[in-house]
Amino acid sequence: MSDQLSEFGAIAKGFARNPLGIIALFIVLVYGFACVVTAAAWSFTPGERVPLIYFLVFFPILVLGVFTWLVSRHSGNLFAPADFKDESNYLRMQKMQLAAVASLAAAGSKNPKNPIEPDLEQTITIVQKATLHGSSRGARPQRLLWVDDHPEYNVYERRAFEAMGITVTLSLNTADALDQLARQKFGAVISDMDRKEGPVEGYVLLEAMHSSNYRTPIFFYSPTTSPDQKQETLQLGGQGRTDNANELFSMVIDAVTNGKPKAALAAPV
């Protein structure tokens, strides 16, 4: 018995090294107590057995629901440094996340085009999901083409992408953007809408990309964005339009890392 207790203690110590292990240890202990109670259930009255039956049936469902929520919302917090072959990788991941969160927060509050009070909890969740996606990136190139004649307005947004290991190439006009697309592959294109060439130059770029059969996902980052304009962008064959740094980051990361933008690639009208 003492050997078994020692073995259990060693296992429990190993579980307690990270959040996932603590959750597993808690479940094991709860079911251990449930087994002890079940062994004595023969002496219970029918009314006393009902709570035990409900517990045995619904507790696994509750655990599954909580686990699903943790993995989908807080995946980046479920691991400890010891879970990585090289603990420096863990520290590097944390630094990447902090840099991306700080840049997105700054983008929301300091962007002269569209100052927005940042939602830090939402920003952290988005960056953690991006980190999880980035660990299994698809075949799309980890490069963005950012088309804007005022790149000083999106410095922090670009820093957020670069913090996640994505290279950002700048272009100031449509002609140069098409030249860049002809010379190298990009995972996605981000464009403003109103440029020196015209008030809807972003759509001019979109049409030119379709005419040249470039199927690179394109997203528009514009301070003048309404629900109707978002729908218009999708109808014209773009993948998204937003004035929010968090939303832009989430949409583009999804396209670049998974190769599957959230908005389906539509045919131009």
Protein backbone atom coordinates (compact mmCIF):
# COMPACT_ATOMS: atom_id res chain seq x y z
CA MET A 1 0.00 0.00 0.00
CA SER A 2 2.80 2.40 0.87
CA ASP A 3 4.43 1.73 -2.51
CA GLN A 4 1.16 2.51 -4.26
CA LEU A 5 0.78 5.72 -2.31
CA SER A 6 4.33 6.71 -3.17
CA GLU A 7 3.72 6.00 -6.83
CA PHE A 8 0.50 8.01 -6.76
CA GLY A 9 2.33 10.87 -5.05
CA ALA A 10 4.99 10.90 -7.76
CA ILE A 11 2.33 10.91 -10.49
CA ALA A 12 0.42 13.69 -8.72
CA LYS A 13 3.62 15.73 -8.45
CA GLY A 14 4.15 15.37 -12.18
CA PHE A 15 0.57 16.41 -12.91
CA ALA A 16 0.89 19.50 -10.74
CA ARG A 17 3.61 20.99 -12.96
CA ASN A 18 1.21 22.60 -15.41
CA PRO A 19 -2.44 23.71 -15.55
CA LEU A 20 -3.58 20.74 -17.67
CA GLY A 21 -2.04 18.35 -15.17
CA ILE A 22 -3.76 20.08 -12.25
CA ILE A 23 -7.09 19.75 -14.03
CA ALA A 24 -6.42 16.05 -14.66
CA LEU A 25 -5.40 15.52 -11.03
CA PHE A 26 -8.58 17.19 -9.83
CA ILE A 27 -10.70 14.92 -12.04
CA VAL A 28 -8.87 11.82 -10.80
CA LEU A 29 -9.38 12.81 -7.17
CA VAL A 30 -13.07 13.57 -7.69
CA TYR A 31 -13.65 10.22 -9.34
CA GLY A 32 -11.63 8.54 -6.60
CA PHE A 33 -14.01 9.90 -3.98
CA ALA A 34 -16.94 8.96 -6.19
CA CYS A 35 -15.70 5.36 -6.35
CA VAL A 36 -15.46 5.21 -2.55
CA VAL A 37 -18.98 6.55 -2.21
CA THR A 38 -20.29 4.19 -4.90
CA ALA A 39 -18.81 1.20 -3.08
CA ALA A 40 -21.01 2.04 -0.11
CA ALA A 41 -24.07 2.86 -2.20
CA TRP A 42 -25.69 -0.48 -1.38
CA SER A 43 -26.60 0.96 2.01
CA PHE A 44 -28.19 4.11 0.52
CA THR A 45 -31.89 4.64 0.15
CA PRO A 46 -33.20 5.17 -3.42
CA GLY A 47 -33.50 8.90 -2.72
CA GLU A 48 -29.88 9.07 -1.55
CA ARG A 49 -28.65 7.29 -4.69
CA VAL A 50 -30.22 9.81 -7.08
CA PRO A 51 -27.61 12.60 -6.53
CA LEU A 52 -24.80 10.07 -7.01
CA ILE A 53 -26.32 8.88 -10.30
CA TYR A 54 -26.74 12.44 -11.53
CA PHE A 55 -23.14 13.19 -10.61
CA LEU A 56 -21.75 10.16 -12.45
CA VAL A 57 -23.77 11.04 -15.56
CA PHE A 58 -23.34 14.81 -15.77
CA PHE A 59 -19.88 15.41 -14.28
CA PRO A 60 -18.04 14.06 -17.40
CA ILE A 61 -20.18 16.34 -19.58
CA LEU A 62 -19.33 19.32 -17.39
CA VAL A 63 -15.62 18.46 -17.51
CA LEU A 64 -15.74 18.17 -21.31
CA GLY A 65 -17.47 21.55 -21.60
CA VAL A 66 -14.96 23.29 -19.32
CA PHE A 67 -12.01 21.67 -21.08
CA THR A 68 -13.34 22.73 -24.49
CA TRP A 69 -13.75 26.30 -23.25
CA LEU A 70 -10.22 26.37 -21.83
CA VAL A 71 -8.63 25.05 -25.01
CA SER A 72 -10.59 27.40 -27.27
CA ARG A 73 -10.23 30.56 -25.15
CA HIS A 74 -7.07 30.13 -23.07
CA SER A 75 -4.91 27.66 -24.94
CA GLY A 76 -1.79 29.72 -24.45
CA ASN A 77 -2.06 29.46 -20.66
CA LEU A 78 -2.38 25.68 -20.40
CA PHE A 79 1.31 24.86 -20.70
CA ALA A 80 4.32 25.30 -18.45
CA PRO A 81 7.93 25.88 -19.55
CA ALA A 82 8.74 22.22 -18.80
CA ASP A 83 6.27 21.13 -21.49
CA PHE A 84 8.60 22.46 -24.16
CA LYS A 85 11.72 20.60 -25.30
CA ASP A 86 13.58 23.85 -24.94
CA GLU A 87 12.23 26.16 -22.24
CA SER A 88 13.61 29.13 -24.15
CA ASN A 89 10.93 28.41 -26.77
CA TYR A 90 8.30 28.97 -24.11
CA LEU A 91 9.88 32.26 -23.09
CA ARG A 92 10.13 33.27 -26.73
CA MET A 93 6.43 32.51 -27.24
CA GLN A 94 5.53 34.62 -24.21
CA LYS A 95 7.62 37.52 -25.49
CA MET A 96 5.97 37.25 -28.91
CA GLN A 97 2.54 37.34 -27.32
CA LEU A 98 3.40 40.32 -25.11
CA ALA A 99 4.83 42.24 -28.06
CA ALA A 100 1.78 41.51 -30.22
CA VAL A 101 -0.67 42.45 -27.45
CA ALA A 102 1.18 45.69 -26.73
CA SER A 103 1.26 46.60 -30.42
CA LEU A 104 -2.44 45.89 -30.95
CA ALA A 105 -3.37 47.85 -27.84
CA ALA A 106 -1.29 50.77 -29.08
CA ALA A 107 -2.87 50.47 -32.53
CA GLY A 108 -6.31 50.82 -31.04
CA SER A 109 -5.57 53.77 -28.79
CA LYS A 110 -2.96 55.74 -30.77
CA ASN A 111 -3.95 55.31 -34.39
CA PRO A 112 -4.64 58.86 -35.61
CA LYS A 113 -7.08 57.53 -38.21
CA ASN A 114 -9.34 55.72 -35.81
CA PRO A 115 -8.58 55.89 -32.05
CA ILE A 116 -10.41 53.15 -30.14
CA GLU A 117 -10.19 52.18 -26.48
CA PRO A 118 -8.55 48.72 -26.60
CA ASP A 119 -10.23 45.66 -25.07
CA LEU A 120 -7.15 43.99 -23.58
CA GLU A 121 -8.90 40.74 -22.68
CA GLN A 122 -10.13 40.37 -26.26
CA THR A 123 -6.70 41.30 -27.60
CA ILE A 124 -4.95 38.70 -25.42
CA THR A 125 -7.41 35.99 -26.53
CA ILE A 126 -6.87 36.83 -30.20
CA VAL A 127 -3.07 36.75 -29.85
CA GLN A 128 -3.17 33.43 -27.98
CA LYS A 129 -5.27 31.89 -30.75
CA ALA A 130 -2.84 33.27 -33.30
CA THR A 131 0.03 31.60 -31.41
CA LEU A 132 -1.83 28.28 -31.42
CA HIS A 133 -2.52 28.55 -35.17
CA GLY A 134 1.05 29.57 -35.84
CA SER A 135 2.37 26.31 -34.37
CA SER A 136 0.78 24.42 -37.28
CA ARG A 137 0.95 26.91 -40.13
CA GLY A 138 -0.25 25.89 -43.54
CA ALA A 139 1.43 26.24 -46.89
CA ARG A 140 0.69 29.93 -47.42
CA PRO A 141 3.77 32.18 -47.32
CA GLN A 142 4.26 33.93 -44.00
CA ARG A 143 4.35 37.34 -45.67
CA LEU A 144 1.87 40.19 -45.91
CA LEU A 145 1.67 42.91 -48.53
CA TRP A 146 0.41 46.12 -46.92
CA VAL A 147 -0.74 48.78 -49.39
CA ASP A 148 -1.16 52.25 -47.89
CA ASP A 149 0.10 55.67 -48.95
CA HIS A 150 0.35 56.63 -45.26
CA PRO A 151 2.23 53.72 -43.63
CA GLU A 152 2.85 55.86 -40.55
CA TYR A 153 -0.80 55.26 -39.62
CA ASN A 154 -0.39 51.50 -39.22
CA VAL A 155 3.00 51.15 -37.54
CA TYR A 156 1.64 49.34 -34.48
CA GLU A 157 -0.52 46.98 -36.51
CA ARG A 158 2.52 45.96 -38.56
CA ARG A 159 4.54 45.44 -35.40
CA ALA A 160 1.86 43.07 -34.10
CA PHE A 161 2.13 40.89 -37.22
CA GLU A 162 5.91 40.99 -37.14
CA ALA A 163 5.88 39.97 -33.47
CA MET A 164 4.12 36.77 -34.59
CA GLY A 165 6.87 36.05 -37.11
CA ILE A 166 5.07 37.37 -40.20
CA THR A 167 7.06 39.54 -42.61
CA VAL A 168 5.29 42.70 -43.79
CA THR A 169 6.16 44.28 -47.15
CA LEU A 170 5.03 47.87 -47.69
CA SER A 171 3.62 49.30 -50.89
CA LEU A 172 2.47 52.90 -51.41
CA ASN A 173 0.26 52.52 -54.49
CA THR A 174 -1.67 50.07 -56.66
CA ALA A 175 0.92 49.84 -59.44
CA ASP A 176 3.70 48.92 -57.03
CA ALA A 177 1.42 46.46 -55.22
CA LEU A 178 0.68 44.60 -58.47
CA ASP A 179 4.39 44.56 -59.25
CA GLN A 180 5.11 43.05 -55.82
CA LEU A 181 2.41 40.40 -56.34
CA ALA A 182 3.93 39.48 -59.70
CA ARG A 183 7.39 39.00 -58.20
CA GLN A 184 6.63 37.05 -55.01
CA LYS A 185 3.90 35.20 -53.17
CA PHE A 186 2.07 36.63 -50.17
CA GLY A 187 -0.22 35.01 -47.68
CA ALA A 188 -2.57 38.01 -47.73
CA VAL A 189 -2.89 41.61 -48.84
CA ILE A 190 -4.01 44.45 -46.56
CA SER A 191 -5.04 47.68 -48.24
CA ASP A 192 -6.48 51.02 -47.31
CA MET A 193 -9.37 52.32 -49.39
CA ASP A 194 -8.79 56.03 -50.04
CA ARG A 195 -5.42 56.85 -51.59
CA LYS A 196 -3.96 59.63 -53.71
CA GLU A 197 -5.05 57.78 -56.84
CA GLY A 198 -8.74 57.87 -55.84
CA PRO A 199 -11.32 57.52 -53.03
CA VAL A 200 -11.96 53.79 -53.73
CA GLU A 201 -8.48 52.82 -54.87
CA GLY A 202 -8.66 49.72 -52.68
CA TYR A 203 -11.38 48.35 -54.95
CA VAL A 204 -9.27 49.26 -57.99
CA LEU A 205 -6.53 47.04 -56.57
CA LEU A 206 -9.06 44.28 -55.89
CA GLU A 207 -10.35 44.39 -59.47
CA ALA A 208 -6.81 44.41 -60.86
CA MET A 209 -5.91 41.39 -58.74
CA HIS A 210 -8.91 39.47 -60.09
CA SER A 211 -8.08 40.53 -63.65
CA SER A 212 -4.54 39.20 -63.18
CA ASN A 213 -5.91 36.02 -61.56
CA TYR A 214 -4.19 36.71 -58.25
CA ARG A 215 -6.12 34.67 -55.68
CA THR A 216 -4.33 36.12 -52.67
CA PRO A 217 -6.85 37.02 -49.91
CA ILE A 218 -7.27 40.78 -49.60
CA PHE A 219 -8.52 42.70 -46.56
CA PHE A 220 -9.33 46.39 -46.30
CA TYR A 221 -8.34 48.43 -43.26
CA SER A 222 -10.22 51.69 -43.45
CA PRO A 223 -11.54 54.18 -40.87
CA THR A 224 -14.73 54.57 -42.92
CA THR A 225 -16.24 51.13 -42.47
CA SER A 226 -19.94 50.39 -42.11
CA PRO A 227 -21.90 47.10 -42.24
CA ASP A 228 -22.99 47.94 -45.79
CA GLN A 229 -19.39 48.54 -46.84
CA LYS A 230 -18.32 45.23 -45.29
CA GLN A 231 -21.00 43.44 -47.29
CA GLU A 232 -19.99 45.32 -50.42
CA THR A 233 -16.39 44.16 -49.97
CA LEU A 234 -17.48 40.53 -49.77
CA GLN A 235 -19.69 40.89 -52.83
CA LEU A 236 -16.78 42.32 -54.82
CA GLY A 237 -14.58 39.37 -53.89
CA GLY A 238 -12.62 40.73 -50.91
CA GLN A 239 -12.25 38.72 -47.70
CA GLY A 240 -12.99 41.42 -45.16
CA ARG A 241 -13.11 45.09 -44.27
CA THR A 242 -12.70 46.60 -40.81
CA ASP A 243 -11.64 49.65 -38.85
CA ASN A 244 -10.63 47.59 -35.79
CA ALA A 245 -7.04 46.44 -35.27
CA ASN A 246 -8.08 43.32 -33.33
CA GLU A 247 -10.53 42.24 -36.01
CA LEU A 248 -7.97 42.85 -38.75
CA PHE A 249 -5.33 40.83 -36.90
CA SER A 250 -7.72 37.93 -36.32
CA MET A 251 -8.96 37.78 -39.94
CA VAL A 252 -5.52 38.05 -41.51
CA ILE A 253 -3.85 35.57 -39.14
CA ASP A 254 -6.58 33.06 -39.97
CA ALA A 255 -5.94 33.51 -43.70
CA VAL A 256 -2.15 33.43 -43.47
CA THR A 257 -1.72 30.55 -41.01
CA ASN A 258 -4.54 28.27 -42.13
CA GLY A 259 -4.83 29.25 -45.75
CA LYS A 260 -8.59 29.52 -45.23
CA PRO A 261 -9.85 33.09 -44.75
CA LYS A 262 -13.02 33.32 -42.69
CA ALA A 263 -14.84 34.96 -45.56
CA ALA A 264 -15.05 32.67 -48.55
CA LEU A 265 -13.37 33.85 -51.71
CA ALA A 266 -16.22 35.26 -53.76
CA ALA A 267 -16.33 35.82 -57.47
CA PRO A 268 -16.20 39.48 -58.52
CA VAL A 269 -19.42 41.07 -59.70
